Amino acid sequence: MSRIESDFLGEREVPDDCYYGVQTLRGEDNFHITEMPMSQEPFFIIAFGYVKKAAAMA
């Protein structure tokens, strides 16, 4: 299953089991900087979550 999300570039399907949105999906498609997936860096993902939480609380 998937959901439809939209941004300024239009609509895109995002898998239901993903916590990210359409802009992250577009960035993943357009910027192949490294061959290492983010799933191999769990501490980075956790730290990024803390940054997002702090920004939301500010």
PDB file of N, CA and C in Angstrom:
ATOM      1  N   MET A   1       0.842  -1.181   0.000  1.00  0.00           N
ATOM      2  CA  MET A   1       0.000   0.000   0.000  1.00  0.00           C
ATOM      3  C   MET A   1       0.890   1.248   0.000  1.00  0.00           C
ATOM      4  N   SER A   2       0.332   2.322  -0.455  1.00  0.00           N
ATOM      5  CA  SER A   2       1.052   3.586  -0.458  1.00  0.00           C
ATOM      6  C   SER A   2       0.070   4.736  -0.269  1.00  0.00           C
ATOM      7  N   ARG A   3       0.634   5.878   0.058  1.00  0.00           N
ATOM      8  CA  ARG A   3      -0.177   7.079   0.217  1.00  0.00           C
ATOM      9  C   ARG A   3       0.304   8.117  -0.798  1.00  0.00           C
ATOM     10  N   ILE A   4      -0.559   9.040  -1.133  1.00  0.00           N
ATOM     11  CA  ILE A   4      -0.219  10.109  -2.063  1.00  0.00           C
ATOM     12  C   ILE A   4       0.109  11.361  -1.254  1.00  0.00           C
ATOM     13  N   GLU A   5       1.308  11.909  -1.444  1.00  0.00           N
ATOM     14  CA  GLU A   5       1.690  13.164  -0.806  1.00  0.00           C
ATOM     15  C   GLU A   5       2.035  14.156  -1.896  1.00  0.00           C
ATOM     16  N   SER A   6       1.911  15.417  -1.578  1.00  0.00           N
ATOM     17  CA  SER A   6       2.213  16.439  -2.579  1.00  0.00           C
ATOM     18  C   SER A   6       3.131  17.502  -1.995  1.00  0.00           C
ATOM     19  N   ASP A   7       3.918  18.096  -2.875  1.00  0.00           N
ATOM     20  CA  ASP A   7       4.755  19.230  -2.540  1.00  0.00           C
ATOM     21  C   ASP A   7       4.713  20.194  -3.715  1.00  0.00           C
ATOM     22  N   PHE A   8       5.622  21.147  -3.768  1.00  0.00           N
ATOM     23  CA  PHE A   8       5.564  22.152  -4.827  1.00  0.00           C
ATOM     24  C   PHE A   8       5.874  21.581  -6.209  1.00  0.00           C
ATOM     25  N   LEU A   9       6.417  20.371  -6.287  1.00  0.00           N
ATOM     26  CA  LEU A   9       6.700  19.735  -7.572  1.00  0.00           C
ATOM     27  C   LEU A   9       5.571  18.831  -8.045  1.00  0.00           C
ATOM     28  N   GLY A  10       4.598  18.601  -7.197  1.00  0.00           N
ATOM     29  CA  GLY A  10       3.467  17.768  -7.585  1.00  0.00           C
ATOM     30  C   GLY A  10       3.221  16.642  -6.603  1.00  0.00           C
ATOM     31  N   GLU A  11       2.498  15.633  -7.058  1.00  0.00           N
ATOM     32  CA  GLU A  11       2.138  14.502  -6.205  1.00  0.00           C
ATOM     33  C   GLU A  11       3.070  13.328  -6.462  1.00  0.00           C
ATOM     34  N   ARG A  12       3.207  12.500  -5.414  1.00  0.00           N
ATOM     35  CA  ARG A  12       4.069  11.322  -5.513  1.00  0.00           C
ATOM     36  C   ARG A  12       3.574  10.275  -4.534  1.00  0.00           C
ATOM     37  N   GLU A  13       3.703   9.009  -4.903  1.00  0.00           N
ATOM     38  CA  GLU A  13       3.338   7.918  -3.998  1.00  0.00           C
ATOM     39  C   GLU A  13       4.485   7.652  -3.033  1.00  0.00           C
ATOM     40  N   VAL A  14       4.136   7.507  -1.756  1.00  0.00           N
ATOM     41  CA  VAL A  14       5.094   7.184  -0.708  1.00  0.00           C
ATOM     42  C   VAL A  14       4.598   5.912  -0.039  1.00  0.00           C
ATOM     43  N   PRO A  15       5.462   4.904   0.137  1.00  0.00           N
ATOM     44  CA  PRO A  15       5.018   3.674   0.788  1.00  0.00           C
ATOM     45  C   PRO A  15       4.465   3.941   2.190  1.00  0.00           C
ATOM     46  N   ASP A  16       3.412   3.224   2.564  1.00  0.00           N
ATOM     47  CA  ASP A  16       2.766   3.428   3.866  1.00  0.00           C
ATOM     48  C   ASP A  16       3.680   3.123   5.041  1.00  0.00           C
ATOM     49  N   ASP A  17       4.634   2.221   4.862  1.00  0.00           N
ATOM     50  CA  ASP A  17       5.489   1.829   5.978  1.00  0.00           C
ATOM     51  C   ASP A  17       6.661   2.787   6.193  1.00  0.00           C
ATOM     52  N   CYS A  18       6.746   3.868   5.441  1.00  0.00           N
ATOM     53  CA  CYS A  18       7.831   4.839   5.573  1.00  0.00           C
ATOM     54  C   CYS A  18       7.406   5.988   6.471  1.00  0.00           C
ATOM     55  N   TYR A  19       8.321   6.405   7.339  1.00  0.00           N
ATOM     56  CA  TYR A  19       8.048   7.531   8.223  1.00  0.00           C
ATOM     57  C   TYR A  19       8.382   8.864   7.569  1.00  0.00           C
ATOM     58  N   TYR A  20       9.047   8.832   6.431  1.00  0.00           N
ATOM     59  CA  TYR A  20       9.405  10.064   5.742  1.00  0.00           C
ATOM     60  C   TYR A  20       8.349  10.444   4.726  1.00  0.00           C
ATOM     61  N   GLY A  21       8.507  11.641   4.170  1.00  0.00           N
ATOM     62  CA  GLY A  21       7.520  12.144   3.224  1.00  0.00           C
ATOM     63  C   GLY A  21       8.070  12.296   1.824  1.00  0.00           C
ATOM     64  N   VAL A  22       7.333  13.024   1.020  1.00  0.00           N
ATOM     65  CA  VAL A  22       7.631  13.143  -0.401  1.00  0.00           C
ATOM     66  C   VAL A  22       8.947  13.891  -0.645  1.00  0.00           C
ATOM     67  N   GLN A  23       9.281  14.881   0.162  1.00  0.00           N
ATOM     68  CA  GLN A  23      10.518  15.623  -0.070  1.00  0.00           C
ATOM     69  C   GLN A  23      11.743  14.759   0.202  1.00  0.00           C
ATOM     70  N   THR A  24      11.687  13.912   1.212  1.00  0.00           N
ATOM     71  CA  THR A  24      12.784  12.989   1.469  1.00  0.00           C
ATOM     72  C   THR A  24      12.920  11.992   0.335  1.00  0.00           C
ATOM     73  N   LEU A  25      11.811  11.511  -0.170  1.00  0.00           N
ATOM     74  CA  LEU A  25      11.826  10.573  -1.289  1.00  0.00           C
ATOM     75  C   LEU A  25      12.448  11.209  -2.529  1.00  0.00           C
ATOM     76  N   ARG A  26      12.113  12.463  -2.804  1.00  0.00           N
ATOM     77  CA  ARG A  26      12.706  13.159  -3.951  1.00  0.00           C
ATOM     78  C   ARG A  26      14.204  13.370  -3.750  1.00  0.00           C
ATOM     79  N   GLY A  27      14.611  13.723  -2.552  1.00  0.00           N
ATOM     80  CA  GLY A  27      16.031  13.896  -2.268  1.00  0.00           C
ATOM     81  C   GLY A  27      16.804  12.602  -2.436  1.00  0.00           C
ATOM     82  N   GLU A  28      16.221  11.513  -1.995  1.00  0.00           N
ATOM     83  CA  GLU A  28      16.853  10.203  -2.145  1.00  0.00           C
ATOM     84  C   GLU A  28      17.028   9.846  -3.621  1.00  0.00           C
ATOM     85  N   ASP A  29      16.061  10.205  -4.438  1.00  0.00           N
ATOM     86  CA  ASP A  29      16.134   9.928  -5.874  1.00  0.00           C
ATOM     87  C   ASP A  29      17.147  10.814  -6.589  1.00  0.00           C
ATOM     88  N   ASN A  30      17.276  12.066  -6.157  1.00  0.00           N
ATOM     89  CA  ASN A  30      18.067  13.042  -6.902  1.00  0.00           C
ATOM     90  C   ASN A  30      19.506  13.206  -6.436  1.00  0.00           C
ATOM     91  N   PHE A  31      19.837  12.792  -5.227  1.00  0.00           N
ATOM     92  CA  PHE A  31      21.167  13.037  -4.691  1.00  0.00           C
ATOM     93  C   PHE A  31      21.824  11.735  -4.249  1.00  0.00           C
ATOM     94  N   HIS A  32      22.433  11.050  -5.196  1.00  0.00           N
ATOM     95  CA  HIS A  32      23.160   9.812  -4.894  1.00  0.00           C
ATOM     96  C   HIS A  32      24.604  10.165  -4.550  1.00  0.00           C
ATOM     97  N   ILE A  33      24.815  10.582  -3.313  1.00  0.00           N
ATOM     98  CA  ILE A  33      26.137  11.010  -2.879  1.00  0.00           C
ATOM     99  C   ILE A  33      26.976   9.806  -2.466  1.00  0.00           C
ATOM    100  N   THR A  34      26.369   8.831  -1.858  1.00  0.00           N
ATOM    101  CA  THR A  34      27.082   7.655  -1.384  1.00  0.00           C
ATOM    102  C   THR A  34      26.247   6.416  -1.664  1.00  0.00           C
ATOM    103  N   GLU A  35      26.899   5.289  -1.706  1.00  0.00           N
ATOM    104  CA  GLU A  35      26.192   4.026  -1.929  1.00  0.00           C
ATOM    105  C   GLU A  35      25.683   3.424  -0.622  1.00  0.00           C
ATOM    106  N   MET A  36      26.060   4.029   0.522  1.00  0.00           N
ATOM    107  CA  MET A  36      25.661   3.496   1.816  1.00  0.00           C
ATOM    108  C   MET A  36      24.253   3.980   2.172  1.00  0.00           C
ATOM    109  N   PRO A  37      23.318   3.074   2.416  1.00  0.00           N
ATOM    110  CA  PRO A  37      21.975   3.506   2.804  1.00  0.00           C
ATOM    111  C   PRO A  37      21.963   4.048   4.236  1.00  0.00           C
ATOM    112  N   MET A  38      21.011   4.912   4.526  1.00  0.00           N
ATOM    113  CA  MET A  38      20.920   5.499   5.864  1.00  0.00           C
ATOM    114  C   MET A  38      20.633   4.449   6.926  1.00  0.00           C
ATOM    115  N   SER A  39      20.073   3.312   6.532  1.00  0.00           N
ATOM    116  CA  SER A  39      19.776   2.261   7.509  1.00  0.00           C
ATOM    117  C   SER A  39      21.050   1.688   8.129  1.00  0.00           C
ATOM    118  N   GLN A  40      22.200   1.914   7.509  1.00  0.00           N
ATOM    119  CA  GLN A  40      23.463   1.446   8.074  1.00  0.00           C
ATOM    120  C   GLN A  40      24.027   2.413   9.108  1.00  0.00           C
ATOM    121  N   GLU A  41      23.382   3.541   9.296  1.00  0.00           N
ATOM    122  CA  GLU A  41      23.826   4.550  10.259  1.00  0.00           C
ATOM    123  C   GLU A  41      22.712   4.856  11.259  1.00  0.00           C
ATOM    124  N   PRO A  42      22.370   3.905  12.138  1.00  0.00           N
ATOM    125  CA  PRO A  42      21.241   4.125  13.053  1.00  0.00           C
ATOM    126  C   PRO A  42      21.465   5.284  14.024  1.00  0.00           C
ATOM    127  N   PHE A  43      22.711   5.540  14.428  1.00  0.00           N
ATOM    128  CA  PHE A  43      22.957   6.640  15.360  1.00  0.00           C
ATOM    129  C   PHE A  43      22.712   7.989  14.698  1.00  0.00           C
ATOM    130  N   PHE A  44      23.003   8.102  13.405  1.00  0.00           N
ATOM    131  CA  PHE A  44      22.710   9.337  12.681  1.00  0.00           C
ATOM    132  C   PHE A  44      21.208   9.575  12.635  1.00  0.00           C
ATOM    133  N   ILE A  45      20.451   8.533  12.384  1.00  0.00           N
ATOM    134  CA  ILE A  45      18.993   8.660  12.306  1.00  0.00           C
ATOM    135  C   ILE A  45      18.425   9.092  13.654  1.00  0.00           C
ATOM    136  N   ILE A  46      18.934   8.510  14.733  1.00  0.00           N
ATOM    137  CA  ILE A  46      18.483   8.881  16.079  1.00  0.00           C
ATOM    138  C   ILE A  46      18.843  10.337  16.377  1.00  0.00           C
ATOM    139  N   ALA A  47      20.078  10.739  16.055  1.00  0.00           N
ATOM    140  CA  ALA A  47      20.505  12.116  16.294  1.00  0.00           C
ATOM    141  C   ALA A  47      19.675  13.096  15.476  1.00  0.00           C
ATOM    142  N   PHE A  48      19.380  12.733  14.245  1.00  0.00           N
ATOM    143  CA  PHE A  48      18.561  13.595  13.395  1.00  0.00           C
ATOM    144  C   PHE A  48      17.163  13.749  13.993  1.00  0.00           C
ATOM    145  N   GLY A  49      16.647  12.694  14.585  1.00  0.00           N
ATOM    146  CA  GLY A  49      15.349  12.767  15.259  1.00  0.00           C
ATOM    147  C   GLY A  49      15.374  13.736  16.431  1.00  0.00           C
ATOM    148  N   TYR A  50      16.477  13.731  17.198  1.00  0.00           N
ATOM    149  CA  TYR A  50      16.604  14.678  18.308  1.00  0.00           C
ATOM    150  C   TYR A  50      16.633  16.122  17.810  1.00  0.00           C
ATOM    151  N   VAL A  51      17.323  16.353  16.699  1.00  0.00           N
ATOM    152  CA  VAL A  51      17.383  17.702  16.131  1.00  0.00           C
ATOM    153  C   VAL A  51      15.994  18.151  15.687  1.00  0.00           C
ATOM    154  N   LYS A  52      15.266  17.262  15.035  1.00  0.00           N
ATOM    155  CA  LYS A  52      13.916  17.604  14.580  1.00  0.00           C
ATOM    156  C   LYS A  52      12.992  17.872  15.774  1.00  0.00           C
ATOM    157  N   LYS A  53      13.135  17.088  16.839  1.00  0.00           N
ATOM    158  CA  LYS A  53      12.313  17.294  18.028  1.00  0.00           C
ATOM    159  C   LYS A  53      12.628  18.642  18.675  1.00  0.00           C
ATOM    160  N   ALA A  54      13.920  18.965  18.777  1.00  0.00           N
ATOM    161  CA  ALA A  54      14.308  20.247  19.369  1.00  0.00           C
ATOM    162  C   ALA A  54      13.777  21.413  18.549  1.00  0.00           C
ATOM    163  N   ALA A  55      13.822  21.288  17.231  1.00  0.00           N
ATOM    164  CA  ALA A  55      13.303  22.355  16.370  1.00  0.00           C
ATOM    165  C   ALA A  55      11.793  22.501  16.536  1.00  0.00           C
ATOM    166  N   ALA A  56      11.104  21.392  16.700  1.00  0.00           N
ATOM    167  CA  ALA A  56       9.652  21.446  16.869  1.00  0.00           C
ATOM    168  C   ALA A  56       9.270  22.063  18.215  1.00  0.00           C
ATOM    169  N   MET A  57      10.105  21.853  19.222  1.00  0.00           N
ATOM    170  CA  MET A  57       9.810  22.385  20.547  1.00  0.00           C
ATOM    171  C   MET A  57      10.204  23.857  20.687  1.00  0.00           C
ATOM    172  N   ALA A  58      11.046  24.341  19.790  1.00  0.00           N
ATOM    173  CA  ALA A  58      11.545  25.734  19.885  1.00  0.00           C
ATOM    174  C   ALA A  58      10.482  26.741  19.507  1.00  0.00           C
TER     175      ALA A  58
END
